[in-house]
N, C-alpha and C. Protein backbone atom coordinates (compact mmCIF):
# COMPACT_ATOMS: atom_id res chain seq x y z
N MET A 1 72.96 118.69 45.39
CA MET A 1 71.76 118.69 46.21
C MET A 1 71.70 117.38 47.01
N VAL A 2 71.47 117.51 48.30
CA VAL A 2 71.36 116.35 49.17
C VAL A 2 69.88 116.00 49.33
N ILE A 3 69.48 114.82 48.87
CA ILE A 3 68.07 114.43 48.93
C ILE A 3 67.71 113.77 50.26
N GLU A 4 68.72 113.47 51.08
CA GLU A 4 68.45 112.71 52.29
C GLU A 4 68.40 113.55 53.56
N ASP A 5 68.57 114.83 53.41
CA ASP A 5 68.61 115.73 54.55
C ASP A 5 67.21 116.21 54.92
N PHE A 6 66.36 115.28 55.42
CA PHE A 6 65.04 115.66 55.90
C PHE A 6 64.80 115.00 57.25
N ALA A 7 63.97 115.60 58.07
CA ALA A 7 63.85 115.27 59.49
C ALA A 7 63.60 113.78 59.76
N LEU A 8 62.61 113.18 59.13
CA LEU A 8 62.29 111.78 59.42
C LEU A 8 63.46 110.86 59.10
N ASN A 9 64.11 111.07 57.99
CA ASN A 9 65.26 110.26 57.58
C ASN A 9 66.39 110.38 58.61
N LEU A 10 66.67 111.59 59.03
CA LEU A 10 67.75 111.82 60.00
C LEU A 10 67.39 111.29 61.39
N GLU A 11 66.13 111.45 61.81
CA GLU A 11 65.71 110.96 63.12
C GLU A 11 65.76 109.43 63.18
N LEU A 12 65.27 108.77 62.13
CA LEU A 12 65.33 107.30 62.10
C LEU A 12 66.77 106.81 62.07
N PHE A 13 67.61 107.51 61.32
CA PHE A 13 69.02 107.14 61.29
C PHE A 13 69.61 107.21 62.69
N ARG A 14 69.42 108.33 63.38
CA ARG A 14 69.96 108.51 64.73
C ARG A 14 69.40 107.47 65.70
N LEU A 15 68.12 107.19 65.62
CA LEU A 15 67.49 106.21 66.50
C LEU A 15 68.16 104.83 66.38
N ILE A 16 68.36 104.38 65.14
CA ILE A 16 68.96 103.06 64.91
C ILE A 16 70.46 103.09 65.14
N ASN A 17 71.14 104.10 64.63
CA ASN A 17 72.59 104.17 64.73
C ASN A 17 73.08 104.37 66.16
N ASN A 18 72.27 104.98 67.01
CA ASN A 18 72.66 105.21 68.40
C ASN A 18 72.22 104.10 69.35
N ALA A 19 71.49 103.13 68.87
CA ALA A 19 71.04 102.01 69.71
C ALA A 19 72.15 100.96 69.76
N ARG A 20 73.23 101.30 70.43
CA ARG A 20 74.45 100.47 70.40
C ARG A 20 74.46 99.44 71.53
N HIS A 21 75.05 98.31 71.20
CA HIS A 21 75.34 97.28 72.20
C HIS A 21 76.56 96.50 71.67
N PRO A 22 77.50 96.18 72.54
CA PRO A 22 78.71 95.47 72.08
C PRO A 22 78.42 94.15 71.36
N LEU A 23 77.40 93.41 71.81
CA LEU A 23 77.05 92.16 71.13
C LEU A 23 76.48 92.41 69.73
N LEU A 24 75.68 93.46 69.61
CA LEU A 24 75.16 93.82 68.28
C LEU A 24 76.28 94.29 67.36
N ASP A 25 77.24 95.00 67.92
CA ASP A 25 78.39 95.43 67.12
C ASP A 25 79.10 94.22 66.51
N VAL A 26 79.35 93.22 67.32
CA VAL A 26 80.02 92.00 66.85
C VAL A 26 79.14 91.28 65.83
N PHE A 27 77.86 91.10 66.18
CA PHE A 27 76.94 90.39 65.28
C PHE A 27 76.87 91.08 63.92
N PHE A 28 76.61 92.38 63.90
CA PHE A 28 76.42 93.08 62.63
C PHE A 28 77.73 93.24 61.85
N THR A 29 78.86 93.29 62.53
CA THR A 29 80.14 93.34 61.83
C THR A 29 80.32 92.07 60.99
N HIS A 30 79.92 90.93 61.51
CA HIS A 30 80.04 89.67 60.78
C HIS A 30 78.86 89.44 59.84
N PHE A 31 77.66 89.80 60.28
CA PHE A 31 76.47 89.61 59.46
C PHE A 31 76.53 90.42 58.17
N ALA A 32 77.26 91.53 58.18
CA ALA A 32 77.37 92.40 57.01
C ALA A 32 77.89 91.64 55.79
N TYR A 33 78.70 90.61 56.00
CA TYR A 33 79.22 89.83 54.87
C TYR A 33 78.11 89.14 54.09
N LEU A 34 76.99 88.83 54.76
CA LEU A 34 75.89 88.16 54.08
C LEU A 34 75.11 89.11 53.16
N GLY A 35 75.39 90.40 53.25
CA GLY A 35 74.77 91.36 52.36
C GLY A 35 75.66 91.78 51.22
N SER A 36 76.89 91.33 51.25
CA SER A 36 77.84 91.71 50.21
C SER A 36 77.84 90.68 49.09
N GLY A 37 78.54 91.00 48.05
CA GLY A 37 78.64 90.10 46.91
C GLY A 37 79.31 88.78 47.23
N TYR A 38 80.02 88.71 48.37
CA TYR A 38 80.69 87.47 48.76
C TYR A 38 79.72 86.31 48.93
N VAL A 39 78.48 86.60 49.21
CA VAL A 39 77.49 85.55 49.46
C VAL A 39 77.01 84.91 48.15
N LEU A 40 77.18 85.60 47.03
CA LEU A 40 76.60 85.12 45.77
C LEU A 40 77.22 83.82 45.27
N PHE A 41 78.52 83.71 45.29
CA PHE A 41 79.16 82.51 44.74
C PHE A 41 78.73 81.25 45.48
N PRO A 42 78.85 81.18 46.82
CA PRO A 42 78.39 79.97 47.50
C PRO A 42 76.88 79.75 47.34
N LEU A 43 76.11 80.83 47.30
CA LEU A 43 74.66 80.70 47.11
C LEU A 43 74.35 80.09 45.75
N LEU A 44 75.01 80.56 44.71
CA LEU A 44 74.77 80.03 43.37
C LEU A 44 75.20 78.56 43.27
N ILE A 45 76.28 78.19 43.90
CA ILE A 45 76.70 76.78 43.92
C ILE A 45 75.64 75.93 44.61
N PHE A 46 75.17 76.41 45.77
CA PHE A 46 74.12 75.69 46.50
C PHE A 46 72.87 75.52 45.62
N LEU A 47 72.45 76.60 44.98
CA LEU A 47 71.25 76.54 44.13
C LEU A 47 71.47 75.63 42.93
N PHE A 48 72.65 75.67 42.34
CA PHE A 48 72.92 74.83 41.18
C PHE A 48 72.82 73.35 41.56
N ILE A 49 73.23 73.02 42.78
CA ILE A 49 73.17 71.62 43.23
C ILE A 49 71.76 71.22 43.64
N PHE A 50 71.07 72.10 44.39
CA PHE A 50 69.81 71.70 45.01
C PHE A 50 68.55 72.33 44.40
N ARG A 51 68.66 73.48 43.76
CA ARG A 51 67.48 74.18 43.24
C ARG A 51 67.80 74.86 41.91
N LYS A 52 68.16 74.07 40.91
CA LYS A 52 68.59 74.63 39.63
C LYS A 52 67.60 75.60 39.02
N GLU A 53 66.32 75.39 39.24
CA GLU A 53 65.31 76.25 38.63
C GLU A 53 65.37 77.69 39.14
N LYS A 54 66.08 77.91 40.23
CA LYS A 54 66.17 79.27 40.78
C LYS A 54 67.44 80.00 40.37
N VAL A 55 68.36 79.31 39.71
CA VAL A 55 69.63 79.93 39.33
C VAL A 55 69.41 81.03 38.29
N LYS A 56 68.71 80.71 37.21
CA LYS A 56 68.50 81.67 36.13
C LYS A 56 67.76 82.93 36.60
N PRO A 57 66.64 82.80 37.31
CA PRO A 57 65.97 84.03 37.76
C PRO A 57 66.81 84.84 38.75
N LEU A 58 67.60 84.16 39.58
CA LEU A 58 68.44 84.90 40.53
C LEU A 58 69.53 85.67 39.80
N ILE A 59 70.18 85.04 38.85
CA ILE A 59 71.24 85.73 38.10
C ILE A 59 70.67 86.93 37.36
N LEU A 60 69.54 86.75 36.69
CA LEU A 60 68.90 87.86 35.98
C LEU A 60 68.54 88.98 36.95
N ALA A 61 67.95 88.64 38.08
CA ALA A 61 67.55 89.65 39.06
C ALA A 61 68.75 90.40 39.62
N ILE A 62 69.84 89.69 39.90
CA ILE A 62 71.05 90.34 40.44
C ILE A 62 71.66 91.29 39.40
N ILE A 63 71.64 90.88 38.14
CA ILE A 63 72.15 91.76 37.08
C ILE A 63 71.30 93.04 37.01
N LEU A 64 69.98 92.87 36.99
CA LEU A 64 69.08 94.04 36.93
C LEU A 64 69.30 94.94 38.14
N GLU A 65 69.35 94.33 39.32
CA GLU A 65 69.52 95.09 40.56
C GLU A 65 70.85 95.85 40.56
N THR A 66 71.91 95.19 40.14
CA THR A 66 73.24 95.81 40.16
C THR A 66 73.30 96.99 39.19
N VAL A 67 72.78 96.83 37.99
CA VAL A 67 72.79 97.92 37.01
C VAL A 67 71.97 99.11 37.53
N LEU A 68 70.82 98.83 38.11
CA LEU A 68 69.96 99.89 38.62
C LEU A 68 70.61 100.62 39.80
N VAL A 69 71.17 99.87 40.75
CA VAL A 69 71.81 100.48 41.92
C VAL A 69 73.00 101.34 41.50
N ILE A 70 73.87 100.80 40.66
CA ILE A 70 75.05 101.58 40.23
C ILE A 70 74.63 102.83 39.46
N SER A 71 73.61 102.70 38.62
CA SER A 71 73.12 103.86 37.88
C SER A 71 72.58 104.94 38.81
N LEU A 72 71.78 104.53 39.79
CA LEU A 72 71.22 105.50 40.74
C LEU A 72 72.29 106.11 41.63
N LYS A 73 73.26 105.30 42.08
CA LYS A 73 74.35 105.83 42.89
C LYS A 73 75.14 106.89 42.11
N THR A 74 75.38 106.60 40.84
CA THR A 74 76.12 107.53 40.00
C THR A 74 75.32 108.80 39.74
N PHE A 75 74.04 108.65 39.44
CA PHE A 75 73.19 109.79 39.12
C PHE A 75 72.99 110.71 40.32
N PHE A 76 72.64 110.13 41.47
CA PHE A 76 72.32 110.94 42.65
C PHE A 76 73.56 111.37 43.43
N ASN A 77 74.60 110.55 43.43
CA ASN A 77 75.88 110.89 44.06
C ASN A 77 75.70 111.44 45.48
N GLN A 78 74.96 110.71 46.30
CA GLN A 78 74.67 111.15 47.67
C GLN A 78 75.77 110.75 48.64
N PRO A 79 76.11 111.65 49.57
CA PRO A 79 77.16 111.34 50.55
C PRO A 79 76.67 110.35 51.62
N ARG A 80 77.63 109.66 52.21
CA ARG A 80 77.36 108.75 53.32
C ARG A 80 77.00 109.56 54.57
N PRO A 81 76.31 108.92 55.52
CA PRO A 81 75.92 109.64 56.75
C PRO A 81 77.08 110.31 57.48
N ALA A 82 78.23 109.65 57.55
CA ALA A 82 79.37 110.21 58.30
C ALA A 82 79.90 111.49 57.66
N ILE A 83 79.60 111.71 56.40
CA ILE A 83 80.03 112.94 55.74
C ILE A 83 79.05 114.08 56.06
N LEU A 84 77.77 113.75 56.17
CA LEU A 84 76.75 114.77 56.44
C LEU A 84 76.58 115.08 57.92
N LEU A 85 76.79 114.09 58.76
CA LEU A 85 76.46 114.24 60.18
C LEU A 85 77.69 114.08 61.06
N GLU A 86 77.61 114.66 62.24
CA GLU A 86 78.66 114.47 63.24
C GLU A 86 78.28 113.30 64.13
N ASP A 87 79.26 112.72 64.78
CA ASP A 87 79.05 111.66 65.77
C ASP A 87 78.29 110.45 65.23
N VAL A 88 78.62 110.03 64.04
CA VAL A 88 78.04 108.81 63.49
C VAL A 88 78.85 107.63 64.01
N ASN A 89 78.14 106.63 64.51
CA ASN A 89 78.80 105.40 64.99
C ASN A 89 79.05 104.49 63.80
N LEU A 90 80.29 104.43 63.37
CA LEU A 90 80.66 103.60 62.21
C LEU A 90 81.23 102.27 62.66
N LEU A 91 80.68 101.18 62.15
CA LEU A 91 81.28 99.87 62.39
C LEU A 91 82.44 99.64 61.43
N PHE A 92 82.33 100.19 60.24
CA PHE A 92 83.39 100.10 59.23
C PHE A 92 83.20 101.27 58.28
N PRO A 93 84.28 101.83 57.79
CA PRO A 93 84.16 103.01 56.92
C PRO A 93 83.81 102.63 55.48
N LEU A 94 82.92 103.39 54.90
CA LEU A 94 82.61 103.30 53.48
C LEU A 94 82.59 104.73 52.95
N HIS A 95 83.08 104.90 51.75
CA HIS A 95 83.21 106.26 51.24
C HIS A 95 82.46 106.50 49.93
N TRP A 96 82.14 105.43 49.21
CA TRP A 96 81.47 105.62 47.93
C TRP A 96 80.02 105.97 48.16
N ARG A 97 79.33 106.38 47.20
CA ARG A 97 77.97 106.92 47.25
C ARG A 97 77.00 106.09 48.11
N SER A 98 76.06 106.81 48.70
CA SER A 98 75.16 106.21 49.68
C SER A 98 73.83 105.73 49.09
N PHE A 99 73.25 106.48 48.20
CA PHE A 99 71.88 106.21 47.74
C PHE A 99 71.85 105.50 46.40
N PRO A 100 71.16 104.37 46.32
CA PRO A 100 70.50 103.55 47.33
C PRO A 100 71.46 102.51 47.92
N SER A 101 70.99 101.75 48.89
CA SER A 101 71.82 100.72 49.51
C SER A 101 71.89 99.49 48.61
N GLY A 102 73.07 99.22 48.06
CA GLY A 102 73.25 98.06 47.20
C GLY A 102 73.17 96.74 47.95
N ASP A 103 73.69 96.70 49.18
CA ASP A 103 73.63 95.46 49.96
C ASP A 103 72.18 95.12 50.28
N THR A 104 71.39 96.13 50.64
CA THR A 104 69.97 95.90 50.92
C THR A 104 69.24 95.45 49.66
N ALA A 105 69.54 96.09 48.55
CA ALA A 105 68.90 95.71 47.28
C ALA A 105 69.21 94.25 46.95
N MET A 106 70.48 93.85 47.12
CA MET A 106 70.84 92.47 46.82
C MET A 106 70.15 91.50 47.77
N ALA A 107 70.09 91.83 49.05
CA ALA A 107 69.45 90.94 50.02
C ALA A 107 67.97 90.76 49.70
N PHE A 108 67.28 91.84 49.35
CA PHE A 108 65.87 91.72 49.01
C PHE A 108 65.66 91.05 47.66
N THR A 109 66.61 91.20 46.75
CA THR A 109 66.54 90.45 45.49
C THR A 109 66.63 88.96 45.77
N ILE A 110 67.60 88.57 46.57
CA ILE A 110 67.77 87.16 46.93
C ILE A 110 66.52 86.64 47.63
N ALA A 111 66.02 87.39 48.60
CA ALA A 111 64.84 86.95 49.35
C ALA A 111 63.62 86.81 48.44
N THR A 112 63.44 87.75 47.54
CA THR A 112 62.27 87.70 46.64
C THR A 112 62.33 86.51 45.71
N VAL A 113 63.47 86.30 45.07
CA VAL A 113 63.60 85.20 44.12
C VAL A 113 63.54 83.85 44.84
N LEU A 114 64.29 83.71 45.91
CA LEU A 114 64.37 82.40 46.57
C LEU A 114 63.10 82.06 47.34
N SER A 115 62.34 83.04 47.76
CA SER A 115 61.11 82.75 48.51
C SER A 115 59.96 82.33 47.61
N HIS A 116 60.08 82.60 46.32
CA HIS A 116 58.99 82.28 45.40
C HIS A 116 58.70 80.78 45.41
N GLY A 117 57.47 80.43 45.70
CA GLY A 117 57.04 79.04 45.69
C GLY A 117 57.43 78.26 46.94
N GLU A 118 58.01 78.92 47.93
CA GLU A 118 58.44 78.23 49.14
C GLU A 118 57.37 78.32 50.23
N LYS A 119 57.54 77.51 51.25
CA LYS A 119 56.63 77.52 52.39
C LYS A 119 56.83 78.81 53.19
N LEU A 120 55.82 79.13 53.98
CA LEU A 120 55.81 80.38 54.72
C LEU A 120 57.02 80.55 55.63
N HIS A 121 57.45 79.50 56.30
CA HIS A 121 58.59 79.65 57.22
C HIS A 121 59.89 79.95 56.46
N ILE A 122 60.04 79.42 55.27
CA ILE A 122 61.23 79.73 54.45
C ILE A 122 61.16 81.18 53.99
N LYS A 123 59.99 81.62 53.55
CA LYS A 123 59.82 83.02 53.15
C LYS A 123 60.15 83.95 54.32
N ALA A 124 59.66 83.60 55.51
CA ALA A 124 59.90 84.43 56.69
C ALA A 124 61.40 84.53 56.99
N ILE A 125 62.11 83.43 56.90
CA ILE A 125 63.56 83.43 57.16
C ILE A 125 64.28 84.29 56.13
N LEU A 126 63.92 84.14 54.86
CA LEU A 126 64.59 84.90 53.80
C LEU A 126 64.35 86.40 53.95
N PHE A 127 63.12 86.79 54.27
CA PHE A 127 62.85 88.22 54.41
C PHE A 127 63.37 88.77 55.74
N LEU A 128 63.48 87.94 56.76
CA LEU A 128 64.14 88.36 58.00
C LEU A 128 65.61 88.66 57.71
N TYR A 129 66.25 87.78 56.95
CA TYR A 129 67.64 88.01 56.52
C TYR A 129 67.75 89.36 55.80
N ALA A 130 66.86 89.61 54.84
CA ALA A 130 66.93 90.86 54.06
C ALA A 130 66.69 92.07 54.95
N PHE A 131 65.70 91.97 55.84
CA PHE A 131 65.41 93.08 56.76
C PHE A 131 66.62 93.35 57.65
N LEU A 132 67.26 92.30 58.17
CA LEU A 132 68.42 92.49 59.04
C LEU A 132 69.59 93.12 58.30
N ILE A 133 69.76 92.78 57.02
CA ILE A 133 70.81 93.44 56.23
C ILE A 133 70.51 94.94 56.14
N GLY A 134 69.27 95.30 55.85
CA GLY A 134 68.91 96.71 55.79
C GLY A 134 69.12 97.42 57.12
N TYR A 135 68.70 96.78 58.20
CA TYR A 135 68.89 97.36 59.53
C TYR A 135 70.38 97.52 59.84
N GLU A 136 71.14 96.51 59.49
CA GLU A 136 72.59 96.54 59.72
C GLU A 136 73.25 97.71 59.01
N ARG A 137 72.79 98.05 57.82
CA ARG A 137 73.40 99.15 57.06
C ARG A 137 73.23 100.49 57.79
N ILE A 138 72.09 100.67 58.46
CA ILE A 138 71.86 101.89 59.23
C ILE A 138 72.61 101.80 60.56
N TYR A 139 72.51 100.67 61.24
CA TYR A 139 73.20 100.45 62.51
C TYR A 139 74.71 100.69 62.34
N ALA A 140 75.26 100.21 61.23
CA ALA A 140 76.70 100.35 60.96
C ALA A 140 77.09 101.78 60.61
N GLY A 141 76.10 102.65 60.37
CA GLY A 141 76.38 104.05 60.08
C GLY A 141 76.73 104.34 58.64
N VAL A 142 76.47 103.40 57.74
CA VAL A 142 76.89 103.60 56.35
C VAL A 142 75.74 103.96 55.39
N HIS A 143 74.49 103.88 55.88
CA HIS A 143 73.35 104.25 55.05
C HIS A 143 72.27 104.92 55.87
N PHE A 144 71.53 105.78 55.21
CA PHE A 144 70.33 106.38 55.77
C PHE A 144 69.14 105.45 55.57
N PRO A 145 68.07 105.61 56.34
CA PRO A 145 66.87 104.79 56.12
C PRO A 145 66.32 104.90 54.69
N LEU A 146 66.38 106.09 54.09
CA LEU A 146 65.90 106.24 52.71
C LEU A 146 66.70 105.35 51.75
N ASP A 147 68.00 105.25 51.95
CA ASP A 147 68.85 104.38 51.12
C ASP A 147 68.37 102.94 51.21
N VAL A 148 68.10 102.52 52.44
CA VAL A 148 67.70 101.14 52.71
C VAL A 148 66.31 100.87 52.14
N PHE A 149 65.38 101.80 52.34
CA PHE A 149 64.02 101.64 51.82
C PHE A 149 64.02 101.50 50.30
N VAL A 150 64.74 102.38 49.62
CA VAL A 150 64.80 102.33 48.16
C VAL A 150 65.54 101.07 47.71
N GLY A 151 66.61 100.70 48.42
CA GLY A 151 67.30 99.45 48.10
C GLY A 151 66.38 98.25 48.20
N ALA A 152 65.55 98.20 49.25
CA ALA A 152 64.59 97.10 49.41
C ALA A 152 63.60 97.07 48.26
N LEU A 153 63.08 98.23 47.88
CA LEU A 153 62.14 98.31 46.74
C LEU A 153 62.79 97.82 45.46
N ILE A 154 64.00 98.25 45.22
CA ILE A 154 64.72 97.82 44.02
C ILE A 154 64.87 96.31 44.01
N GLY A 155 65.28 95.74 45.13
CA GLY A 155 65.46 94.30 45.21
C GLY A 155 64.18 93.53 44.95
N ILE A 156 63.10 93.97 45.57
CA ILE A 156 61.81 93.29 45.39
C ILE A 156 61.34 93.41 43.95
N ILE A 157 61.42 94.61 43.39
CA ILE A 157 60.97 94.82 42.01
C ILE A 157 61.81 94.02 41.02
N CYS A 158 63.14 94.03 41.19
CA CYS A 158 64.00 93.26 40.28
C CYS A 158 63.74 91.76 40.41
N GLY A 159 63.49 91.30 41.63
CA GLY A 159 63.16 89.89 41.84
C GLY A 159 61.87 89.50 41.14
N ILE A 160 60.85 90.33 41.27
CA ILE A 160 59.55 90.05 40.64
C ILE A 160 59.68 90.07 39.11
N ILE A 161 60.37 91.07 38.58
CA ILE A 161 60.55 91.15 37.13
C ILE A 161 61.29 89.91 36.63
N SER A 162 62.33 89.53 37.31
CA SER A 162 63.11 88.37 36.91
C SER A 162 62.27 87.09 36.94
N LEU A 163 61.51 86.91 37.99
CA LEU A 163 60.65 85.72 38.09
C LEU A 163 59.62 85.70 36.97
N LYS A 164 59.09 86.86 36.64
CA LYS A 164 58.07 86.94 35.61
C LYS A 164 58.63 86.61 34.22
N TYR A 165 59.86 87.02 33.96
CA TYR A 165 60.41 86.88 32.61
C TYR A 165 61.43 85.78 32.45
N SER A 166 61.65 84.97 33.47
CA SER A 166 62.59 83.84 33.35
C SER A 166 61.84 82.63 32.79
N LYS A 167 61.96 82.44 31.52
CA LYS A 167 61.28 81.31 30.88
C LYS A 167 61.86 80.01 31.39
N GLY A 168 60.97 79.10 31.75
CA GLY A 168 61.40 77.83 32.28
C GLY A 168 61.84 77.91 33.73
N GLY A 169 61.68 79.09 34.34
CA GLY A 169 62.11 79.27 35.72
C GLY A 169 61.00 78.97 36.70
N VAL A 170 61.18 79.36 37.91
CA VAL A 170 60.25 79.04 38.98
C VAL A 170 58.91 79.75 38.82
N TYR A 171 58.88 80.85 38.11
CA TYR A 171 57.62 81.59 37.95
C TYR A 171 56.59 80.73 37.24
N GLU A 172 56.99 80.02 36.23
CA GLU A 172 56.06 79.20 35.46
C GLU A 172 55.66 77.93 36.18
N ARG A 173 56.47 77.50 37.14
CA ARG A 173 56.20 76.26 37.85
C ARG A 173 55.01 76.42 38.79
N ASN A 174 54.79 77.61 39.29
CA ASN A 174 53.76 77.80 40.32
C ASN A 174 52.48 78.30 39.72
């Protein structure tokens, strides 16, 4: 059963995926790396040096997010847009399950944990980063809007849970 085959999801996908520009293609091809696991190691080193109190909640949140995303991908086993639709503009091919977006979930997890206790402009930058990762996943043709929306929810919820239960972490400081 395909859960993503409904009009609003498909229309939003087409709207974003067809809004092509060569500069956006280049930008999002490179920006996509910031949504992948490659960003975690340098981020954790940076946090360990400059913001140690955020390391523990971020690691916990990423573990929760990863387990939840992999479980949902396995359970729902939804196809990627290029498998369901014709004429999908792909920036790069992905073949494993679509629902939910793991890159979006990770970006929103990072934004939620790192924005806690920060000034408004830092929060805005972090959530702009997360939003752009989600947008990029649709623009690149590898996720539907529903995948991205659920990924964002997962990231935010895992970040909040982690902040709440990280003893000695940033949650207790504020």
